[in-house]
Amino acid sequence: MSTVRLRIQKNIIWYDIWKEIDTAAIRTDKLEPYLLEDLQSIGLTAKDIKNYSWIINAGWEGYNNEDIEHFRELLLSYGLPTTNFGVLYLAYENTKNLPYPAICLTDKMIYCGQWYSGLKKQNVNWKQLPMTALFTVLMRRASISRCHLAKRLLQQFKPHDMIMTLGTSPYDNYTYLKEIIDFPIVVDEEITPWPMNVIHTHELFYQAPVQLVVESSNEIDENIWRSIFVTEKSYKALAWHQFPLWYAVPGLVEKIREQGFDVFDDIIDHGYDNENNPWCRMIAVIEELKKLTNKDCINLRKKHWQRLESNSLLVKQIHKSALNNHKTQTNRLIDEIQLLHQ
């Protein structure tokens, strides 16, 4: 059965651009075949495009305005009025500067794969967990940046100091990447297909006081998100009562602060978050990780337990309340587009 990306609700076409369209196609002018096929699947043609309003749904992905612009231009080329277009983003986007209505559900990834429900079922005794390593760093998907990060970490730390995974995804593990570092690097399973990568049946990843969170956005790897995109990876580290550092795009740590989380600025120097060069940022975050792990983080974990617990409780609170907020924002977007369409 072919992928269904297009659905009509109250004269609005919702287009799930995140479903099985290659990122390279989205960032170029190669989207037209997808669009025409999707229209045909529900009995429409290109001539019908202008008769509807369109909302582009980023789904579970980190598209930004530049990613979506090619698709918007394609729709406009078929006569869609500029007022009949809107976007639902998950990445941070300055919507006030966009020529169309848009919303950003920047905490939606807290629901990805129902990882939090799986975590609660584990009933982990967080305070009494044994600490078996200095830090955790999880990189299921291998890439150029992640392979270099893993290589540098192994140059700076002993293997038993890390709970590290790399390249356990069944996809995209290209041979040329193994010229940088041999993988998979395995903690639990050699291959972790979806949803094994989000719902865990063991406590191994939790048994370090620190986590270097390798987020989904970066500027080095091809066809990867470039904007600030907070995924379940960040929420996991905070729920797991770990001191967090991030290898991501600049500004992500600041957005974590804005969500209300304690990033332990009195213990960790997150200055790397302002570094624009991704390679320099990689070096900087590793240096800060070295400084942090030299501070006896097991005792720091005990000393600052209440702060770690507060982060975990905030994850719980967001998980409980965000969905209603998303519905409110989405209805507001629908109302705005319908008003413009009149």
C-alpha atoms as a PDB file:
ATOM      1  CA  MET A   1       0.000   0.000   0.000  1.00  0.00           C
ATOM      2  CA  SER A   2       1.364   3.413  -0.970  1.00  0.00           C
ATOM      3  CA  THR A   3       2.057   6.063   1.654  1.00  0.00           C
ATOM      4  CA  VAL A   4      -0.878   8.403   2.346  1.00  0.00           C
ATOM      5  CA  ARG A   5       0.448  11.926   2.760  1.00  0.00           C
ATOM      6  CA  LEU A   6      -2.597  13.967   1.821  1.00  0.00           C
ATOM      7  CA  ARG A   7      -5.913  14.333   3.656  1.00  0.00           C
ATOM      8  CA  ILE A   8      -8.748  16.854   3.439  1.00  0.00           C
ATOM      9  CA  GLN A   9     -10.461  18.348   6.486  1.00  0.00           C
ATOM     10  CA  LYS A  10     -12.948  21.237   6.149  1.00  0.00           C
ATOM     11  CA  ASN A  11     -11.581  22.446   2.823  1.00  0.00           C
ATOM     12  CA  ILE A  12      -8.017  22.294   4.131  1.00  0.00           C
ATOM     13  CA  ILE A  13      -5.504  19.882   2.651  1.00  0.00           C
ATOM     14  CA  TRP A  14      -3.105  18.588   5.294  1.00  0.00           C
ATOM     15  CA  TYR A  15       0.109  17.455   3.644  1.00  0.00           C
ATOM     16  CA  ASP A  16       2.323  15.110   5.680  1.00  0.00           C
ATOM     17  CA  ILE A  17       5.589  16.059   4.037  1.00  0.00           C
ATOM     18  CA  TRP A  18       7.520  14.011   6.604  1.00  0.00           C
ATOM     19  CA  LYS A  19       6.264  10.663   5.275  1.00  0.00           C
ATOM     20  CA  GLU A  20       8.789   8.873   3.054  1.00  0.00           C
ATOM     21  CA  ILE A  21      10.020  11.817   1.018  1.00  0.00           C
ATOM     22  CA  ASP A  22      13.790  12.040   0.779  1.00  0.00           C
ATOM     23  CA  THR A  23      15.186  15.150   2.451  1.00  0.00           C
ATOM     24  CA  ALA A  24      17.283  15.927  -0.627  1.00  0.00           C
ATOM     25  CA  ALA A  25      14.104  16.035  -2.729  1.00  0.00           C
ATOM     26  CA  ILE A  26      12.455  18.414  -0.275  1.00  0.00           C
ATOM     27  CA  ARG A  27      15.440  20.756  -0.430  1.00  0.00           C
ATOM     28  CA  THR A  28      15.408  20.873  -4.233  1.00  0.00           C
ATOM     29  CA  ASP A  29      12.799  21.164  -6.967  1.00  0.00           C
ATOM     30  CA  LYS A  30      12.094  17.410  -7.150  1.00  0.00           C
ATOM     31  CA  LEU A  31       8.833  17.349  -5.180  1.00  0.00           C
ATOM     32  CA  GLU A  32       6.383  17.608  -8.068  1.00  0.00           C
ATOM     33  CA  PRO A  33       6.107  13.845  -8.777  1.00  0.00           C
ATOM     34  CA  TYR A  34       5.221  13.210  -5.115  1.00  0.00           C
ATOM     35  CA  LEU A  35       2.615  15.958  -5.149  1.00  0.00           C
ATOM     36  CA  LEU A  36       0.906  14.838  -8.354  1.00  0.00           C
ATOM     37  CA  GLU A  37       0.825  11.210  -7.231  1.00  0.00           C
ATOM     38  CA  ASP A  38      -0.630  12.196  -3.865  1.00  0.00           C
ATOM     39  CA  LEU A  39      -3.341  14.300  -5.498  1.00  0.00           C
ATOM     40  CA  GLN A  40      -4.240  11.446  -7.820  1.00  0.00           C
ATOM     41  CA  SER A  41      -4.540   9.063  -4.873  1.00  0.00           C
ATOM     42  CA  ILE A  42      -7.572  11.004  -3.579  1.00  0.00           C
ATOM     43  CA  GLY A  43      -9.072  11.821  -6.962  1.00  0.00           C
ATOM     44  CA  LEU A  44      -7.687  15.327  -7.424  1.00  0.00           C
ATOM     45  CA  THR A  45      -5.460  16.917 -10.062  1.00  0.00           C
ATOM     46  CA  ALA A  46      -3.076  19.851 -10.133  1.00  0.00           C
ATOM     47  CA  LYS A  47      -5.984  22.083 -11.194  1.00  0.00           C
ATOM     48  CA  ASP A  48      -7.584  21.515  -7.784  1.00  0.00           C
ATOM     49  CA  ILE A  49      -4.612  22.843  -5.796  1.00  0.00           C
ATOM     50  CA  LYS A  50      -5.831  26.450  -5.810  1.00  0.00           C
ATOM     51  CA  ASN A  51      -9.296  25.494  -4.533  1.00  0.00           C
ATOM     52  CA  TYR A  52      -8.071  24.510  -1.076  1.00  0.00           C
ATOM     53  CA  SER A  53      -6.028  25.891   1.766  1.00  0.00           C
ATOM     54  CA  TRP A  54      -2.892  23.876   2.528  1.00  0.00           C
ATOM     55  CA  ILE A  55      -1.222  23.136   5.858  1.00  0.00           C
ATOM     56  CA  ILE A  56       2.152  21.418   5.631  1.00  0.00           C
ATOM     57  CA  ASN A  57       2.677  19.082   8.565  1.00  0.00           C
ATOM     58  CA  ALA A  58       6.268  18.461   9.690  1.00  0.00           C
ATOM     59  CA  GLY A  59       5.073  15.399  11.597  1.00  0.00           C
ATOM     60  CA  TRP A  60       8.010  14.127  13.645  1.00  0.00           C
ATOM     61  CA  GLU A  61      10.806  15.851  11.741  1.00  0.00           C
ATOM     62  CA  GLY A  62      12.855  19.033  12.049  1.00  0.00           C
ATOM     63  CA  TYR A  63      12.062  20.884   8.825  1.00  0.00           C
ATOM     64  CA  ASN A  64      12.672  24.618   8.770  1.00  0.00           C
ATOM     65  CA  ASN A  65      11.397  27.416   6.537  1.00  0.00           C
ATOM     66  CA  GLU A  66      14.125  26.880   3.937  1.00  0.00           C
ATOM     67  CA  ASP A  67      13.230  23.184   3.692  1.00  0.00           C
ATOM     68  CA  ILE A  68       9.546  23.958   3.102  1.00  0.00           C
ATOM     69  CA  GLU A  69      10.025  26.864   0.705  1.00  0.00           C
ATOM     70  CA  HIS A  70      10.463  24.701  -2.417  1.00  0.00           C
ATOM     71  CA  PHE A  71       7.124  23.023  -1.769  1.00  0.00           C
ATOM     72  CA  ARG A  72       5.405  26.358  -1.146  1.00  0.00           C
ATOM     73  CA  GLU A  73       6.756  27.723  -4.429  1.00  0.00           C
ATOM     74  CA  LEU A  74       5.546  24.588  -6.209  1.00  0.00           C
ATOM     75  CA  LEU A  75       2.006  25.071  -4.909  1.00  0.00           C
ATOM     76  CA  LEU A  76       2.063  28.767  -5.798  1.00  0.00           C
ATOM     77  CA  SER A  77       3.145  27.876  -9.325  1.00  0.00           C
ATOM     78  CA  TYR A  78      -0.149  25.978  -9.677  1.00  0.00           C
ATOM     79  CA  GLY A  79      -2.144  29.054  -8.712  1.00  0.00           C
ATOM     80  CA  LEU A  80      -2.468  28.627  -4.945  1.00  0.00           C
ATOM     81  CA  PRO A  81      -3.126  32.065  -3.383  1.00  0.00           C
ATOM     82  CA  THR A  82      -0.364  33.072  -0.964  1.00  0.00           C
ATOM     83  CA  THR A  83      -2.979  33.431   1.793  1.00  0.00           C
ATOM     84  CA  ASN A  84      -3.969  29.748   1.506  1.00  0.00           C
ATOM     85  CA  PHE A  85      -0.785  28.279   2.935  1.00  0.00           C
ATOM     86  CA  GLY A  86       0.452  27.474   6.443  1.00  0.00           C
ATOM     87  CA  VAL A  87       2.937  25.196   8.217  1.00  0.00           C
ATOM     88  CA  LEU A  88       3.084  23.195  11.416  1.00  0.00           C
ATOM     89  CA  TYR A  89       6.746  23.054  12.455  1.00  0.00           C
ATOM     90  CA  LEU A  90       8.486  21.166  15.247  1.00  0.00           C
ATOM     91  CA  ALA A  91      11.803  22.986  14.960  1.00  0.00           C
ATOM     92  CA  TYR A  92      12.211  26.490  16.327  1.00  0.00           C
ATOM     93  CA  GLU A  93      11.296  29.019  13.651  1.00  0.00           C
ATOM     94  CA  ASN A  94      10.731  32.775  13.854  1.00  0.00           C
ATOM     95  CA  THR A  95       7.149  32.663  12.629  1.00  0.00           C
ATOM     96  CA  LYS A  96       6.752  36.460  12.793  1.00  0.00           C
ATOM     97  CA  ASN A  97       9.151  36.788   9.849  1.00  0.00           C
ATOM     98  CA  LEU A  98       7.377  34.248   7.630  1.00  0.00           C
ATOM     99  CA  PRO A  99       5.065  35.281   4.761  1.00  0.00           C
ATOM    100  CA  TYR A 100       2.432  32.771   5.920  1.00  0.00           C
ATOM    101  CA  PRO A 101       0.807  31.574   9.163  1.00  0.00           C
ATOM    102  CA  ALA A 102       2.793  28.947  11.059  1.00  0.00           C
ATOM    103  CA  ILE A 103       3.124  27.390  14.491  1.00  0.00           C
ATOM    104  CA  CYS A 104       6.024  25.604  16.188  1.00  0.00           C
ATOM    105  CA  LEU A 105       5.218  22.653  18.447  1.00  0.00           C
ATOM    106  CA  THR A 106       8.738  22.623  19.810  1.00  0.00           C
ATOM    107  CA  ASP A 107       8.083  20.086  22.584  1.00  0.00           C
ATOM    108  CA  LYS A 108       6.085  17.595  20.512  1.00  0.00           C
ATOM    109  CA  MET A 109       8.986  15.140  20.331  1.00  0.00           C
ATOM    110  CA  ILE A 110       8.402  14.345  23.990  1.00  0.00           C
ATOM    111  CA  TYR A 111       5.753  11.955  22.632  1.00  0.00           C
ATOM    112  CA  CYS A 112       8.016  10.283  20.065  1.00  0.00           C
ATOM    113  CA  GLY A 113       7.628   6.514  20.109  1.00  0.00           C
ATOM    114  CA  GLN A 114       5.834   6.643  23.468  1.00  0.00           C
ATOM    115  CA  TRP A 115       9.259   6.386  25.124  1.00  0.00           C
ATOM    116  CA  TYR A 116       8.064   8.071  28.308  1.00  0.00           C
ATOM    117  CA  SER A 117       5.236   5.600  28.838  1.00  0.00           C
ATOM    118  CA  GLY A 118       7.769   2.799  28.380  1.00  0.00           C
ATOM    119  CA  LEU A 119      10.098   4.434  30.881  1.00  0.00           C
ATOM    120  CA  LYS A 120       7.408   4.706  33.541  1.00  0.00           C
ATOM    121  CA  LYS A 121       6.624   1.009  33.163  1.00  0.00           C
ATOM    122  CA  GLN A 122      10.239   0.210  34.077  1.00  0.00           C
ATOM    123  CA  ASN A 123       9.675   1.679  37.550  1.00  0.00           C
ATOM    124  CA  VAL A 124      13.357   2.584  37.903  1.00  0.00           C
ATOM    125  CA  ASN A 125      14.745   3.358  41.361  1.00  0.00           C
ATOM    126  CA  TRP A 126      16.708   6.353  40.099  1.00  0.00           C
ATOM    127  CA  LYS A 127      18.337   7.348  43.353  1.00  0.00           C
ATOM    128  CA  GLN A 128      19.734   3.877  44.000  1.00  0.00           C
ATOM    129  CA  LEU A 129      20.965   3.137  40.479  1.00  0.00           C
ATOM    130  CA  PRO A 130      24.578   1.934  40.343  1.00  0.00           C
ATOM    131  CA  MET A 131      26.852   4.317  38.443  1.00  0.00           C
ATOM    132  CA  THR A 132      29.043   2.114  36.242  1.00  0.00           C
ATOM    133  CA  ALA A 133      30.565   4.732  33.914  1.00  0.00           C
ATOM    134  CA  LEU A 134      31.362   8.439  33.719  1.00  0.00           C
ATOM    135  CA  PHE A 135      28.914   9.305  30.975  1.00  0.00           C
ATOM    136  CA  THR A 136      26.434   8.034  28.406  1.00  0.00           C
ATOM    137  CA  VAL A 137      26.476   8.975  24.712  1.00  0.00           C
ATOM    138  CA  LEU A 138      24.006   7.334  22.329  1.00  0.00           C
ATOM    139  CA  MET A 139      24.420   7.528  18.550  1.00  0.00           C
ATOM    140  CA  ARG A 140      22.234   4.878  16.941  1.00  0.00           C
ATOM    141  CA  ARG A 141      22.520   6.445  13.490  1.00  0.00           C
ATOM    142  CA  ALA A 142      26.076   6.584  12.200  1.00  0.00           C
ATOM    143  CA  SER A 143      27.142   9.691  10.304  1.00  0.00           C
ATOM    144  CA  ILE A 144      30.302  11.641   9.528  1.00  0.00           C
ATOM    145  CA  SER A 145      29.940  13.929  12.537  1.00  0.00           C
ATOM    146  CA  ARG A 146      28.993  11.137  14.912  1.00  0.00           C
ATOM    147  CA  CYS A 147      31.809   8.871  13.800  1.00  0.00           C
ATOM    148  CA  HIS A 148      34.317  11.672  14.336  1.00  0.00           C
ATOM    149  CA  LEU A 149      32.762  12.440  17.719  1.00  0.00           C
ATOM    150  CA  ALA A 150      33.035   8.790  18.772  1.00  0.00           C
ATOM    151  CA  LYS A 151      36.630   8.646  17.554  1.00  0.00           C
ATOM    152  CA  ARG A 152      37.580  11.756  19.522  1.00  0.00           C
ATOM    153  CA  LEU A 153      35.834  10.446  22.654  1.00  0.00           C
ATOM    154  CA  LEU A 154      37.782   7.193  22.456  1.00  0.00           C
ATOM    155  CA  GLN A 155      40.978   9.209  22.141  1.00  0.00           C
ATOM    156  CA  GLN A 156      40.160  11.165  25.303  1.00  0.00           C
ATOM    157  CA  PHE A 157      38.479   8.537  27.508  1.00  0.00           C
ATOM    158  CA  LYS A 158      38.931   4.878  28.324  1.00  0.00           C
ATOM    159  CA  PRO A 159      36.244   2.622  26.815  1.00  0.00           C
ATOM    160  CA  HIS A 160      34.969   1.543  30.234  1.00  0.00           C
ATOM    161  CA  ASP A 161      34.396   5.203  31.160  1.00  0.00           C
ATOM    162  CA  MET A 162      31.653   5.451  28.536  1.00  0.00           C
ATOM    163  CA  ILE A 163      28.274   3.911  27.871  1.00  0.00           C
ATOM    164  CA  MET A 164      28.439   4.561  24.136  1.00  0.00           C
ATOM    165  CA  THR A 165      26.520   3.278  21.138  1.00  0.00           C
ATOM    166  CA  LEU A 166      27.229   4.014  17.478  1.00  0.00           C
ATOM    167  CA  GLY A 167      25.767   2.640  14.275  1.00  0.00           C
ATOM    168  CA  THR A 168      23.210   0.202  15.699  1.00  0.00           C
ATOM    169  CA  SER A 169      20.557   1.404  13.272  1.00  0.00           C
ATOM    170  CA  PRO A 170      19.757  -1.105  10.512  1.00  0.00           C
ATOM    171  CA  TYR A 171      19.850   1.782   8.019  1.00  0.00           C
ATOM    172  CA  ASP A 172      22.424   4.219   6.597  1.00  0.00           C
ATOM    173  CA  ASN A 173      25.526   2.479   7.924  1.00  0.00           C
ATOM    174  CA  TYR A 174      27.628   3.141   4.861  1.00  0.00           C
ATOM    175  CA  THR A 175      31.000   1.474   4.443  1.00  0.00           C
ATOM    176  CA  TYR A 176      32.855   4.774   3.968  1.00  0.00           C
ATOM    177  CA  LEU A 177      31.910   5.766   7.523  1.00  0.00           C
ATOM    178  CA  LYS A 178      33.830   2.784   8.867  1.00  0.00           C
ATOM    179  CA  GLU A 179      36.986   4.362   7.465  1.00  0.00           C
ATOM    180  CA  ILE A 180      36.592   6.915  10.272  1.00  0.00           C
ATOM    181  CA  ILE A 181      35.873   4.413  13.054  1.00  0.00           C
ATOM    182  CA  ASP A 182      34.782   0.793  13.153  1.00  0.00           C
ATOM    183  CA  PHE A 183      31.205   0.221  14.295  1.00  0.00           C
ATOM    184  CA  PRO A 184      28.703  -0.843  15.516  1.00  0.00           C
ATOM    185  CA  ILE A 185      29.678   0.066  19.043  1.00  0.00           C
ATOM    186  CA  VAL A 186      27.202  -1.887  21.128  1.00  0.00           C
ATOM    187  CA  VAL A 187      25.850  -1.662  24.676  1.00  0.00           C
ATOM    188  CA  ASP A 188      22.705  -3.778  24.448  1.00  0.00           C
ATOM    189  CA  GLU A 189      21.710  -4.882  20.933  1.00  0.00           C
ATOM    190  CA  GLU A 190      23.836  -4.851  17.779  1.00  0.00           C
ATOM    191  CA  ILE A 191      20.828  -3.816  15.701  1.00  0.00           C
ATOM    192  CA  THR A 192      18.096  -1.604  17.176  1.00  0.00           C
ATOM    193  CA  PRO A 193      15.234  -1.088  14.731  1.00  0.00           C
ATOM    194  CA  TRP A 194      12.296   1.136  15.619  1.00  0.00           C
ATOM    195  CA  PRO A 195      10.972   1.253  18.346  1.00  0.00           C
ATOM    196  CA  MET A 196      13.791  -0.512  20.208  1.00  0.00           C
ATOM    197  CA  ASN A 197      15.775   2.720  19.980  1.00  0.00           C
ATOM    198  CA  VAL A 198      13.230   4.710  22.030  1.00  0.00           C
ATOM    199  CA  ILE A 199      11.760   2.152  24.457  1.00  0.00           C
ATOM    200  CA  HIS A 200      14.318   0.287  26.549  1.00  0.00           C
ATOM    201  CA  THR A 201      13.871  -2.894  28.562  1.00  0.00           C
ATOM    202  CA  HIS A 202      17.085  -2.470  30.569  1.00  0.00           C
ATOM    203  CA  GLU A 203      18.743   0.181  32.759  1.00  0.00           C
ATOM    204  CA  LEU A 204      22.208   0.190  31.186  1.00  0.00           C
ATOM    205  CA  PHE A 205      21.933   3.644  29.596  1.00  0.00           C
ATOM    206  CA  TYR A 206      20.923   5.231  32.897  1.00  0.00           C
ATOM    207  CA  GLN A 207      23.976   4.079  34.856  1.00  0.00           C
ATOM    208  CA  ALA A 208      26.118   7.186  34.378  1.00  0.00           C
ATOM    209  CA  PRO A 209      25.691  10.569  36.071  1.00  0.00           C
ATOM    210  CA  VAL A 210      26.326  12.523  32.844  1.00  0.00           C
ATOM    211  CA  GLN A 211      24.965  12.307  29.322  1.00  0.00           C
ATOM    212  CA  LEU A 212      26.391  13.886  26.200  1.00  0.00           C
ATOM    213  CA  VAL A 213      23.204  14.271  24.184  1.00  0.00           C
ATOM    214  CA  VAL A 214      23.854  14.004  20.449  1.00  0.00           C
ATOM    215  CA  GLU A 215      20.829  15.709  18.963  1.00  0.00           C
ATOM    216  CA  SER A 216      19.362  15.171  15.496  1.00  0.00           C
ATOM    217  CA  SER A 217      20.385  18.556  14.071  1.00  0.00           C
ATOM    218  CA  ASN A 218      23.876  19.475  12.930  1.00  0.00           C
ATOM    219  CA  GLU A 219      25.629  21.330  10.124  1.00  0.00           C
ATOM    220  CA  ILE A 220      28.138  18.657   9.058  1.00  0.00           C
ATOM    221  CA  ASP A 221      26.047  15.727   7.838  1.00  0.00           C
ATOM    222  CA  GLU A 222      24.108  15.839   4.575  1.00  0.00           C
ATOM    223  CA  ASN A 223      20.308  15.771   4.596  1.00  0.00           C
ATOM    224  CA  ILE A 224      20.126  16.405   8.340  1.00  0.00           C
ATOM    225  CA  TRP A 225      18.141  19.130  10.085  1.00  0.00           C
ATOM    226  CA  ARG A 226      19.907  22.481  10.425  1.00  0.00           C
ATOM    227  CA  SER A 227      17.564  24.277  12.836  1.00  0.00           C
ATOM    228  CA  ILE A 228      17.182  23.967  16.591  1.00  0.00           C
ATOM    229  CA  PHE A 229      15.127  20.798  16.981  1.00  0.00           C
ATOM    230  CA  VAL A 230      14.633  19.378  20.485  1.00  0.00           C
ATOM    231  CA  THR A 231      13.904  15.656  20.236  1.00  0.00           C
ATOM    232  CA  GLU A 232      13.173  12.875  22.692  1.00  0.00           C
ATOM    233  CA  LYS A 233      16.943  12.483  23.072  1.00  0.00           C
ATOM    234  CA  SER A 234      17.100  15.623  25.212  1.00  0.00           C
ATOM    235  CA  TYR A 235      14.024  14.756  27.252  1.00  0.00           C
ATOM    236  CA  LYS A 236      15.404  11.288  27.928  1.00  0.00           C
ATOM    237  CA  ALA A 237      18.619  12.597  29.492  1.00  0.00           C
ATOM    238  CA  LEU A 238      16.611  14.945  31.696  1.00  0.00           C
ATOM    239  CA  ALA A 239      14.177  12.196  32.692  1.00  0.00           C
ATOM    240  CA  TRP A 240      17.091   9.858  33.426  1.00  0.00           C
ATOM    241  CA  HIS A 241      18.421  12.222  36.130  1.00  0.00           C
ATOM    242  CA  GLN A 242      21.662  12.930  34.263  1.00  0.00           C
ATOM    243  CA  PHE A 243      23.796  16.064  34.041  1.00  0.00           C
ATOM    244  CA  PRO A 244      23.367  17.104  30.381  1.00  0.00           C
ATOM    245  CA  LEU A 245      25.712  18.416  27.726  1.00  0.00           C
ATOM    246  CA  TRP A 246      24.749  18.663  24.058  1.00  0.00           C
ATOM    247  CA  TYR A 247      26.356  18.221  20.685  1.00  0.00           C
ATOM    248  CA  ALA A 248      23.809  19.981  18.493  1.00  0.00           C
ATOM    249  CA  VAL A 249      23.359  23.211  16.537  1.00  0.00           C
ATOM    250  CA  PRO A 250      24.113  26.533  18.256  1.00  0.00           C
ATOM    251  CA  GLY A 251      21.405  27.833  20.555  1.00  0.00           C
ATOM    252  CA  LEU A 252      19.806  24.529  21.481  1.00  0.00           C
ATOM    253  CA  VAL A 253      20.918  24.669  25.128  1.00  0.00           C
ATOM    254  CA  GLU A 254      19.356  28.109  25.446  1.00  0.00           C
ATOM    255  CA  LYS A 255      16.026  26.698  24.224  1.00  0.00           C
ATOM    256  CA  ILE A 256      16.262  23.929  26.833  1.00  0.00           C
ATOM    257  CA  ARG A 257      16.671  26.649  29.459  1.00  0.00           C
ATOM    258  CA  GLU A 258      13.644  28.492  28.055  1.00  0.00           C
ATOM    259  CA  GLN A 259      11.558  25.349  28.470  1.00  0.00           C
ATOM    260  CA  GLY A 260      12.310  25.636  32.177  1.00  0.00           C
ATOM    261  CA  PHE A 261      14.998  22.986  32.648  1.00  0.00           C
ATOM    262  CA  ASP A 262      18.021  23.330  34.890  1.00  0.00           C
ATOM    263  CA  VAL A 263      21.130  22.896  32.736  1.00  0.00           C
ATOM    264  CA  PHE A 264      23.432  23.298  35.755  1.00  0.00           C
ATOM    265  CA  ASP A 265      25.203  26.438  34.595  1.00  0.00           C
ATOM    266  CA  ASP A 266      26.986  26.619  37.953  1.00  0.00           C
ATOM    267  CA  ILE A 267      28.605  23.234  37.233  1.00  0.00           C
ATOM    268  CA  ILE A 268      28.768  23.050  33.424  1.00  0.00           C
ATOM    269  CA  ASP A 269      30.056  25.725  31.056  1.00  0.00           C
ATOM    270  CA  HIS A 270      27.719  25.546  28.075  1.00  0.00           C
ATOM    271  CA  GLY A 271      29.719  28.167  26.172  1.00  0.00           C
ATOM    272  CA  TYR A 272      30.050  25.668  23.319  1.00  0.00           C
ATOM    273  CA  ASP A 273      26.380  26.424  22.586  1.00  0.00           C
ATOM    274  CA  ASN A 274      27.499  29.765  21.097  1.00  0.00           C
ATOM    275  CA  GLU A 275      30.199  28.280  18.845  1.00  0.00           C
ATOM    276  CA  ASN A 276      29.196  28.536  15.178  1.00  0.00           C
ATOM    277  CA  ASN A 277      31.866  26.218  13.762  1.00  0.00           C
ATOM    278  CA  PRO A 278      30.554  22.644  14.251  1.00  0.00           C
ATOM    279  CA  TRP A 279      34.033  21.107  14.399  1.00  0.00           C
ATOM    280  CA  CYS A 280      35.186  23.619  16.995  1.00  0.00           C
ATOM    281  CA  ARG A 281      31.944  23.004  18.889  1.00  0.00           C
ATOM    282  CA  MET A 282      32.700  19.279  18.913  1.00  0.00           C
ATOM    283  CA  ILE A 283      36.135  19.914  20.421  1.00  0.00           C
ATOM    284  CA  ALA A 284      34.705  22.403  22.935  1.00  0.00           C
ATOM    285  CA  VAL A 285      31.985  20.103  24.221  1.00  0.00           C
ATOM    286  CA  ILE A 286      34.457  17.237  24.636  1.00  0.00           C
ATOM    287  CA  GLU A 287      36.740  19.546  26.624  1.00  0.00           C
ATOM    288  CA  GLU A 288      33.836  20.544  28.849  1.00  0.00           C
ATOM    289  CA  LEU A 289      32.875  16.884  29.238  1.00  0.00           C
ATOM    290  CA  LYS A 290      36.422  16.148  30.423  1.00  0.00           C
ATOM    291  CA  LYS A 291      36.243  18.963  32.971  1.00  0.00           C
ATOM    292  CA  LEU A 292      32.843  17.812  34.211  1.00  0.00           C
ATOM    293  CA  THR A 293      33.760  14.154  34.585  1.00  0.00           C
ATOM    294  CA  ASN A 294      36.843  15.146  36.584  1.00  0.00           C
ATOM    295  CA  LYS A 295      34.564  16.652  39.255  1.00  0.00           C
ATOM    296  CA  ASP A 296      33.405  13.394  40.907  1.00  0.00           C
ATOM    297  CA  CYS A 297      29.966  13.450  39.361  1.00  0.00           C
ATOM    298  CA  ILE A 298      28.692  10.619  41.551  1.00  0.00           C
ATOM    299  CA  ASN A 299      28.965  12.900  44.562  1.00  0.00           C
ATOM    300  CA  LEU A 300      27.603  15.815  42.525  1.00  0.00           C
ATOM    301  CA  ARG A 301      24.634  13.611  41.677  1.00  0.00           C
ATOM    302  CA  LYS A 302      23.954  13.096  45.372  1.00  0.00           C
ATOM    303  CA  LYS A 303      24.509  16.761  46.224  1.00  0.00           C
ATOM    304  CA  HIS A 304      22.214  18.069  43.486  1.00  0.00           C
ATOM    305  CA  TRP A 305      19.702  15.247  43.524  1.00  0.00           C
ATOM    306  CA  GLN A 306      16.727  17.516  44.049  1.00  0.00           C
ATOM    307  CA  ARG A 307      17.642  19.555  40.978  1.00  0.00           C
ATOM    308  CA  LEU A 308      17.955  16.405  38.868  1.00  0.00           C
ATOM    309  CA  GLU A 309      14.615  15.244  40.238  1.00  0.00           C
ATOM    310  CA  SER A 310      13.045  18.598  39.361  1.00  0.00           C
ATOM    311  CA  ASN A 311      14.139  18.178  35.738  1.00  0.00           C
ATOM    312  CA  SER A 312      12.571  14.726  35.689  1.00  0.00           C
ATOM    313  CA  LEU A 313       9.330  16.097  37.106  1.00  0.00           C
ATOM    314  CA  LEU A 314       9.281  18.839  34.475  1.00  0.00           C
ATOM    315  CA  VAL A 315       9.522  16.184  31.755  1.00  0.00           C
ATOM    316  CA  LYS A 316       6.513  14.516  33.378  1.00  0.00           C
ATOM    317  CA  GLN A 317       4.623  17.817  33.485  1.00  0.00           C
ATOM    318  CA  ILE A 318       5.319  18.642  29.830  1.00  0.00           C
ATOM    319  CA  HIS A 319       4.331  15.130  28.801  1.00  0.00           C
ATOM    320  CA  LYS A 320       1.031  15.576  30.624  1.00  0.00           C
ATOM    321  CA  SER A 321       0.120  19.063  29.393  1.00  0.00           C
ATOM    322  CA  ALA A 322       1.755  19.632  25.991  1.00  0.00           C
ATOM    323  CA  LEU A 323      -0.838  17.755  23.959  1.00  0.00           C
ATOM    324  CA  ASN A 324      -3.651  20.126  24.928  1.00  0.00           C
ATOM    325  CA  ASN A 325      -1.442  23.083  24.115  1.00  0.00           C
ATOM    326  CA  HIS A 326      -0.671  21.567  20.713  1.00  0.00           C
ATOM    327  CA  LYS A 327      -4.388  21.183  19.983  1.00  0.00           C
ATOM    328  CA  THR A 328      -5.010  24.811  20.937  1.00  0.00           C
ATOM    329  CA  GLN A 329      -2.205  26.079  18.708  1.00  0.00           C
ATOM    330  CA  THR A 330      -3.287  23.881  15.806  1.00  0.00           C
ATOM    331  CA  ASN A 331      -6.891  25.091  16.031  1.00  0.00           C
ATOM    332  CA  ARG A 332      -5.619  28.665  16.065  1.00  0.00           C
ATOM    333  CA  LEU A 333      -3.622  27.985  12.880  1.00  0.00           C
ATOM    334  CA  ILE A 334      -6.667  26.446  11.206  1.00  0.00           C
ATOM    335  CA  ASP A 335      -8.849  29.436  12.168  1.00  0.00           C
ATOM    336  CA  GLU A 336      -6.279  31.913  10.863  1.00  0.00           C
ATOM    337  CA  ILE A 337      -5.943  30.157   7.516  1.00  0.00           C
ATOM    338  CA  GLN A 338      -9.701  29.782   7.107  1.00  0.00           C
ATOM    339  CA  LEU A 339     -10.147  33.490   7.857  1.00  0.00           C
ATOM    340  CA  LEU A 340      -7.541  34.408   5.235  1.00  0.00           C
ATOM    341  CA  HIS A 341      -9.210  32.073   2.727  1.00  0.00           C
ATOM    342  CA  GLN A 342     -12.580  33.789   2.991  1.00  0.00           C
END
